[in-house]
Amino acid sequence: MENPLDPTLLGATLLYTGVGVVVFIVAFWIMAKVAPFSIHKEIEEDQNVALGIVLGSVVIGLALIIASAIG
């Protein structure tokens, strides 16, 4: 078993984490730009629960895809 505090493993973990977060942010930004309405207005002001559930599902799906692509 490898030492979890090995600098090589720690560096690789931080690199993959950074790449995953950047990909996630870019994908979410693209989704917000493609939407034909203001996501902020729909969720915050109009209390659109259905949109919140759909966005939560998309977030989970993106996270699973990124995690499987990196891992």
PDB file of N, CA and C in Angstrom:
ATOM      1  N   MET A   1       0.845  -1.189   0.000  1.00  0.00           N
ATOM      2  CA  MET A   1       0.000   0.000   0.000  1.00  0.00           C
ATOM      3  C   MET A   1       0.884   1.243   0.000  1.00  0.00           C
ATOM      4  N   GLU A   2       0.497   2.193  -0.818  1.00  0.00           N
ATOM      5  CA  GLU A   2       1.304   3.406  -0.946  1.00  0.00           C
ATOM      6  C   GLU A   2       0.986   4.388   0.166  1.00  0.00           C
ATOM      7  N   ASN A   3       1.960   5.199   0.482  1.00  0.00           N
ATOM      8  CA  ASN A   3       1.806   6.218   1.514  1.00  0.00           C
ATOM      9  C   ASN A   3       0.910   7.339   0.983  1.00  0.00           C
ATOM     10  N   PRO A   4      -0.225   7.622   1.654  1.00  0.00           N
ATOM     11  CA  PRO A   4      -1.125   8.666   1.149  1.00  0.00           C
ATOM     12  C   PRO A   4      -0.527  10.066   1.216  1.00  0.00           C
ATOM     13  N   LEU A   5       0.552  10.240   1.985  1.00  0.00           N
ATOM     14  CA  LEU A   5       1.191  11.554   2.078  1.00  0.00           C
ATOM     15  C   LEU A   5       2.372  11.692   1.120  1.00  0.00           C
ATOM     16  N   ASP A   6       2.523  10.743   0.210  1.00  0.00           N
ATOM     17  CA  ASP A   6       3.571  10.807  -0.797  1.00  0.00           C
ATOM     18  C   ASP A   6       3.358  12.066  -1.636  1.00  0.00           C
ATOM     19  N   PRO A   7       4.390  12.914  -1.789  1.00  0.00           N
ATOM     20  CA  PRO A   7       4.216  14.169  -2.540  1.00  0.00           C
ATOM     21  C   PRO A   7       3.738  13.964  -3.974  1.00  0.00           C
ATOM     22  N   THR A   8       4.132  12.877  -4.599  1.00  0.00           N
ATOM     23  CA  THR A   8       3.688  12.616  -5.971  1.00  0.00           C
ATOM     24  C   THR A   8       2.182  12.365  -6.015  1.00  0.00           C
ATOM     25  N   LEU A   9       1.702  11.533  -5.100  1.00  0.00           N
ATOM     26  CA  LEU A   9       0.260  11.250  -5.057  1.00  0.00           C
ATOM     27  C   LEU A   9      -0.533  12.489  -4.663  1.00  0.00           C
ATOM     28  N   LEU A  10      -0.002  13.251  -3.728  1.00  0.00           N
ATOM     29  CA  LEU A  10      -0.684  14.472  -3.288  1.00  0.00           C
ATOM     30  C   LEU A  10      -0.771  15.475  -4.439  1.00  0.00           C
ATOM     31  N   GLY A  11       0.317  15.617  -5.189  1.00  0.00           N
ATOM     32  CA  GLY A  11       0.318  16.532  -6.329  1.00  0.00           C
ATOM     33  C   GLY A  11      -0.657  16.097  -7.412  1.00  0.00           C
ATOM     34  N   ALA A  12      -0.676  14.790  -7.692  1.00  0.00           N
ATOM     35  CA  ALA A  12      -1.606  14.280  -8.705  1.00  0.00           C
ATOM     36  C   ALA A  12      -3.052  14.483  -8.266  1.00  0.00           C
ATOM     37  N   THR A  13      -3.317  14.252  -6.991  1.00  0.00           N
ATOM     38  CA  THR A  13      -4.672  14.452  -6.469  1.00  0.00           C
ATOM     39  C   THR A  13      -5.104  15.902  -6.598  1.00  0.00           C
ATOM     40  N   LEU A  14      -4.220  16.820  -6.244  1.00  0.00           N
ATOM     41  CA  LEU A  14      -4.555  18.246  -6.355  1.00  0.00           C
ATOM     42  C   LEU A  14      -4.734  18.663  -7.811  1.00  0.00           C
ATOM     43  N   LEU A  15      -3.909  18.122  -8.705  1.00  0.00           N
ATOM     44  CA  LEU A  15      -4.039  18.438 -10.128  1.00  0.00           C
ATOM     45  C   LEU A  15      -5.381  17.947 -10.678  1.00  0.00           C
ATOM     46  N   TYR A  16      -5.719  16.704 -10.402  1.00  0.00           N
ATOM     47  CA  TYR A  16      -6.995  16.153 -10.889  1.00  0.00           C
ATOM     48  C   TYR A  16      -8.189  16.878 -10.276  1.00  0.00           C
ATOM     49  N   THR A  17      -8.074  17.258  -9.015  1.00  0.00           N
ATOM     50  CA  THR A  17      -9.150  18.025  -8.378  1.00  0.00           C
ATOM     51  C   THR A  17      -9.329  19.366  -9.069  1.00  0.00           C
ATOM     52  N   GLY A  18      -8.236  20.044  -9.349  1.00  0.00           N
ATOM     53  CA  GLY A  18      -8.303  21.339 -10.033  1.00  0.00           C
ATOM     54  C   GLY A  18      -8.898  21.219 -11.421  1.00  0.00           C
ATOM     55  N   VAL A  19      -8.463  20.204 -12.163  1.00  0.00           N
ATOM     56  CA  VAL A  19      -9.001  19.991 -13.511  1.00  0.00           C
ATOM     57  C   VAL A  19     -10.497  19.705 -13.444  1.00  0.00           C
ATOM     58  N   GLY A  20     -10.902  18.866 -12.504  1.00  0.00           N
ATOM     59  CA  GLY A  20     -12.322  18.537 -12.355  1.00  0.00           C
ATOM     60  C   GLY A  20     -13.169  19.743 -12.021  1.00  0.00           C
ATOM     61  N   VAL A  21     -12.676  20.578 -11.117  1.00  0.00           N
ATOM     62  CA  VAL A  21     -13.434  21.778 -10.730  1.00  0.00           C
ATOM     63  C   VAL A  21     -13.538  22.751 -11.903  1.00  0.00           C
ATOM     64  N   VAL A  22     -12.458  22.927 -12.643  1.00  0.00           N
ATOM     65  CA  VAL A  22     -12.486  23.837 -13.799  1.00  0.00           C
ATOM     66  C   VAL A  22     -13.458  23.329 -14.863  1.00  0.00           C
ATOM     67  N   VAL A  23     -13.408  22.037 -15.164  1.00  0.00           N
ATOM     68  CA  VAL A  23     -14.332  21.464 -16.154  1.00  0.00           C
ATOM     69  C   VAL A  23     -15.772  21.632 -15.690  1.00  0.00           C
ATOM     70  N   PHE A  24     -16.016  21.413 -14.403  1.00  0.00           N
ATOM     71  CA  PHE A  24     -17.365  21.557 -13.855  1.00  0.00           C
ATOM     72  C   PHE A  24     -17.854  23.001 -13.978  1.00  0.00           C
ATOM     73  N   ILE A  25     -17.011  23.964 -13.645  1.00  0.00           N
ATOM     74  CA  ILE A  25     -17.400  25.377 -13.720  1.00  0.00           C
ATOM     75  C   ILE A  25     -17.683  25.779 -15.162  1.00  0.00           C
ATOM     76  N   VAL A  26     -16.829  25.350 -16.087  1.00  0.00           N
ATOM     77  CA  VAL A  26     -17.036  25.685 -17.504  1.00  0.00           C
ATOM     78  C   VAL A  26     -18.339  25.065 -18.022  1.00  0.00           C
ATOM     79  N   ALA A  27     -18.600  23.824 -17.672  1.00  0.00           N
ATOM     80  CA  ALA A  27     -19.828  23.166 -18.128  1.00  0.00           C
ATOM     81  C   ALA A  27     -21.065  23.873 -17.560  1.00  0.00           C
ATOM     82  N   PHE A  28     -21.021  24.251 -16.294  1.00  0.00           N
ATOM     83  CA  PHE A  28     -22.161  24.941 -15.689  1.00  0.00           C
ATOM     84  C   PHE A  28     -22.344  26.323 -16.313  1.00  0.00           C
ATOM     85  N   TRP A  29     -21.252  27.012 -16.621  1.00  0.00           N
ATOM     86  CA  TRP A  29     -21.329  28.332 -17.247  1.00  0.00           C
ATOM     87  C   TRP A  29     -21.951  28.221 -18.638  1.00  0.00           C
ATOM     88  N   ILE A  30     -21.527  27.204 -19.398  1.00  0.00           N
ATOM     89  CA  ILE A  30     -22.096  26.987 -20.732  1.00  0.00           C
ATOM     90  C   ILE A  30     -23.592  26.699 -20.631  1.00  0.00           C
ATOM     91  N   MET A  31     -23.968  25.881 -19.655  1.00  0.00           N
ATOM     92  CA  MET A  31     -25.385  25.557 -19.468  1.00  0.00           C
ATOM     93  C   MET A  31     -26.194  26.821 -19.145  1.00  0.00           C
ATOM     94  N   ALA A  32     -25.636  27.701 -18.331  1.00  0.00           N
ATOM     95  CA  ALA A  32     -26.335  28.937 -17.983  1.00  0.00           C
ATOM     96  C   ALA A  32     -26.464  29.865 -19.187  1.00  0.00           C
ATOM     97  N   LYS A  33     -25.452  29.884 -20.050  1.00  0.00           N
ATOM     98  CA  LYS A  33     -25.504  30.750 -21.238  1.00  0.00           C
ATOM     99  C   LYS A  33     -26.451  30.207 -22.299  1.00  0.00           C
ATOM    100  N   VAL A  34     -26.580  28.893 -22.396  1.00  0.00           N
ATOM    101  CA  VAL A  34     -27.427  28.272 -23.412  1.00  0.00           C
ATOM    102  C   VAL A  34     -28.910  28.361 -23.033  1.00  0.00           C
ATOM    103  N   ALA A  35     -29.198  28.416 -21.747  1.00  0.00           N
ATOM    104  CA  ALA A  35     -30.591  28.454 -21.290  1.00  0.00           C
ATOM    105  C   ALA A  35     -31.291  29.702 -21.842  1.00  0.00           C
ATOM    106  N   PRO A  36     -32.524  29.556 -22.344  1.00  0.00           N
ATOM    107  CA  PRO A  36     -33.228  30.697 -22.932  1.00  0.00           C
ATOM    108  C   PRO A  36     -33.867  31.625 -21.897  1.00  0.00           C
ATOM    109  N   PHE A  37     -33.510  31.455 -20.636  1.00  0.00           N
ATOM    110  CA  PHE A  37     -34.078  32.274 -19.565  1.00  0.00           C
ATOM    111  C   PHE A  37     -33.002  32.493 -18.511  1.00  0.00           C
ATOM    112  N   SER A  38     -33.270  33.401 -17.578  1.00  0.00           N
ATOM    113  CA  SER A  38     -32.334  33.675 -16.504  1.00  0.00           C
ATOM    114  C   SER A  38     -32.518  32.629 -15.399  1.00  0.00           C
ATOM    115  N   ILE A  39     -31.510  31.810 -15.198  1.00  0.00           N
ATOM    116  CA  ILE A  39     -31.593  30.773 -14.169  1.00  0.00           C
ATOM    117  C   ILE A  39     -31.714  31.415 -12.792  1.00  0.00           C
ATOM    118  N   HIS A  40     -30.955  32.485 -12.560  1.00  0.00           N
ATOM    119  CA  HIS A  40     -31.014  33.162 -11.267  1.00  0.00           C
ATOM    120  C   HIS A  40     -32.415  33.690 -10.980  1.00  0.00           C
ATOM    121  N   LYS A  41     -33.025  34.344 -11.973  1.00  0.00           N
ATOM    122  CA  LYS A  41     -34.367  34.903 -11.781  1.00  0.00           C
ATOM    123  C   LYS A  41     -35.392  33.796 -11.536  1.00  0.00           C
ATOM    124  N   GLU A  42     -35.312  32.726 -12.313  1.00  0.00           N
ATOM    125  CA  GLU A  42     -36.291  31.641 -12.180  1.00  0.00           C
ATOM    126  C   GLU A  42     -36.230  30.984 -10.805  1.00  0.00           C
ATOM    127  N   ILE A  43     -35.032  30.763 -10.281  1.00  0.00           N
ATOM    128  CA  ILE A  43     -34.905  30.062  -9.004  1.00  0.00           C
ATOM    129  C   ILE A  43     -35.089  31.014  -7.832  1.00  0.00           C
ATOM    130  N   GLU A  44     -34.413  32.169  -7.857  1.00  0.00           N
ATOM    131  CA  GLU A  44     -34.444  33.091  -6.718  1.00  0.00           C
ATOM    132  C   GLU A  44     -35.769  33.850  -6.612  1.00  0.00           C
ATOM    133  N   GLU A  45     -36.187  34.475  -7.692  1.00  0.00           N
ATOM    134  CA  GLU A  45     -37.355  35.356  -7.617  1.00  0.00           C
ATOM    135  C   GLU A  45     -38.670  34.620  -7.840  1.00  0.00           C
ATOM    136  N   ASP A  46     -38.703  33.718  -8.827  1.00  0.00           N
ATOM    137  CA  ASP A  46     -39.948  33.036  -9.160  1.00  0.00           C
ATOM    138  C   ASP A  46     -40.156  31.745  -8.365  1.00  0.00           C
ATOM    139  N   GLN A  47     -39.152  31.346  -7.570  1.00  0.00           N
ATOM    140  CA  GLN A  47     -39.247  30.134  -6.736  1.00  0.00           C
ATOM    141  C   GLN A  47     -39.598  28.898  -7.563  1.00  0.00           C
ATOM    142  N   ASN A  48     -38.927  28.728  -8.689  1.00  0.00           N
ATOM    143  CA  ASN A  48     -39.188  27.614  -9.598  1.00  0.00           C
ATOM    144  C   ASN A  48     -38.499  26.349  -9.070  1.00  0.00           C
ATOM    145  N   VAL A  49     -39.242  25.540  -8.330  1.00  0.00           N
ATOM    146  CA  VAL A  49     -38.696  24.331  -7.712  1.00  0.00           C
ATOM    147  C   VAL A  49     -38.312  23.297  -8.767  1.00  0.00           C
ATOM    148  N   ALA A  50     -39.105  23.187  -9.813  1.00  0.00           N
ATOM    149  CA  ALA A  50     -38.818  22.209 -10.865  1.00  0.00           C
ATOM    150  C   ALA A  50     -37.466  22.497 -11.522  1.00  0.00           C
ATOM    151  N   LEU A  51     -37.167  23.750 -11.783  1.00  0.00           N
ATOM    152  CA  LEU A  51     -35.879  24.106 -12.370  1.00  0.00           C
ATOM    153  C   LEU A  51     -34.745  23.802 -11.395  1.00  0.00           C
ATOM    154  N   GLY A  52     -34.964  24.028 -10.132  1.00  0.00           N
ATOM    155  CA  GLY A  52     -33.960  23.695  -9.125  1.00  0.00           C
ATOM    156  C   GLY A  52     -33.654  22.208  -9.098  1.00  0.00           C
ATOM    157  N   ILE A  53     -34.683  21.393  -9.205  1.00  0.00           N
ATOM    158  CA  ILE A  53     -34.486  19.936  -9.227  1.00  0.00           C
ATOM    159  C   ILE A  53     -33.739  19.514 -10.493  1.00  0.00           C
ATOM    160  N   VAL A  54     -34.112  20.092 -11.632  1.00  0.00           N
ATOM    161  CA  VAL A  54     -33.437  19.760 -12.887  1.00  0.00           C
ATOM    162  C   VAL A  54     -31.970  20.182 -12.830  1.00  0.00           C
ATOM    163  N   LEU A  55     -31.685  21.377 -12.333  1.00  0.00           N
ATOM    164  CA  LEU A  55     -30.300  21.832 -12.234  1.00  0.00           C
ATOM    165  C   LEU A  55     -29.505  20.971 -11.252  1.00  0.00           C
ATOM    166  N   GLY A  56     -30.126  20.563 -10.165  1.00  0.00           N
ATOM    167  CA  GLY A  56     -29.458  19.667  -9.226  1.00  0.00           C
ATOM    168  C   GLY A  56     -29.117  18.340  -9.879  1.00  0.00           C
ATOM    169  N   SER A  57     -30.022  17.835 -10.693  1.00  0.00           N
ATOM    170  CA  SER A  57     -29.775  16.585 -11.409  1.00  0.00           C
ATOM    171  C   SER A  57     -28.640  16.745 -12.412  1.00  0.00           C
ATOM    172  N   VAL A  58     -28.606  17.881 -13.089  1.00  0.00           N
ATOM    173  CA  VAL A  58     -27.533  18.138 -14.048  1.00  0.00           C
ATOM    174  C   VAL A  58     -26.186  18.235 -13.329  1.00  0.00           C
ATOM    175  N   VAL A  59     -26.174  18.887 -12.177  1.00  0.00           N
ATOM    176  CA  VAL A  59     -24.949  19.014 -11.395  1.00  0.00           C
ATOM    177  C   VAL A  59     -24.438  17.635 -10.969  1.00  0.00           C
ATOM    178  N   ILE A  60     -25.323  16.788 -10.495  1.00  0.00           N
ATOM    179  CA  ILE A  60     -24.925  15.436 -10.092  1.00  0.00           C
ATOM    180  C   ILE A  60     -24.423  14.654 -11.307  1.00  0.00           C
ATOM    181  N   GLY A  61     -25.096  14.764 -12.431  1.00  0.00           N
ATOM    182  CA  GLY A  61     -24.671  14.084 -13.644  1.00  0.00           C
ATOM    183  C   GLY A  61     -23.297  14.553 -14.110  1.00  0.00           C
ATOM    184  N   LEU A  62     -23.069  15.867 -14.098  1.00  0.00           N
ATOM    185  CA  LEU A  62     -21.759  16.392 -14.470  1.00  0.00           C
ATOM    186  C   LEU A  62     -20.670  15.896 -13.524  1.00  0.00           C
ATOM    187  N   ALA A  63     -20.968  15.883 -12.247  1.00  0.00           N
ATOM    188  CA  ALA A  63     -19.991  15.420 -11.260  1.00  0.00           C
ATOM    189  C   ALA A  63     -19.635  13.953 -11.489  1.00  0.00           C
ATOM    190  N   LEU A  64     -20.634  13.129 -11.791  1.00  0.00           N
ATOM    191  CA  LEU A  64     -20.373  11.712 -12.047  1.00  0.00           C
ATOM    192  C   LEU A  64     -19.536  11.515 -13.316  1.00  0.00           C
ATOM    193  N   ILE A  65     -19.853  12.269 -14.354  1.00  0.00           N
ATOM    194  CA  ILE A  65     -19.095  12.158 -15.605  1.00  0.00           C
ATOM    195  C   ILE A  65     -17.652  12.592 -15.402  1.00  0.00           C
ATOM    196  N   ILE A  66     -17.439  13.709 -14.726  1.00  0.00           N
ATOM    197  CA  ILE A  66     -16.086  14.200 -14.485  1.00  0.00           C
ATOM    198  C   ILE A  66     -15.311  13.224 -13.601  1.00  0.00           C
ATOM    199  N   ALA A  67     -15.955  12.698 -12.565  1.00  0.00           N
ATOM    200  CA  ALA A  67     -15.279  11.770 -11.672  1.00  0.00           C
ATOM    201  C   ALA A  67     -14.877  10.488 -12.398  1.00  0.00           C
ATOM    202  N   SER A  68     -15.744   9.989 -13.267  1.00  0.00           N
ATOM    203  CA  SER A  68     -15.400   8.764 -13.982  1.00  0.00           C
ATOM    204  C   SER A  68     -14.345   9.030 -15.058  1.00  0.00           C
ATOM    205  N   ALA A  69     -14.339  10.215 -15.646  1.00  0.00           N
ATOM    206  CA  ALA A  69     -13.329  10.534 -16.656  1.00  0.00           C
ATOM    207  C   ALA A  69     -11.947  10.718 -16.028  1.00  0.00           C
ATOM    208  N   ILE A  70     -11.894  11.292 -14.848  1.00  0.00           N
ATOM    209  CA  ILE A  70     -10.622  11.516 -14.172  1.00  0.00           C
ATOM    210  C   ILE A  70     -10.121  10.249 -13.514  1.00  0.00           C
ATOM    211  N   GLY A  71     -11.031   9.497 -12.901  1.00  0.00           N
ATOM    212  CA  GLY A  71     -10.646   8.302 -12.140  1.00  0.00           C
ATOM    213  C   GLY A  71     -10.407   7.190 -13.008  1.00  0.00           C
TER     214      GLY A  71
END
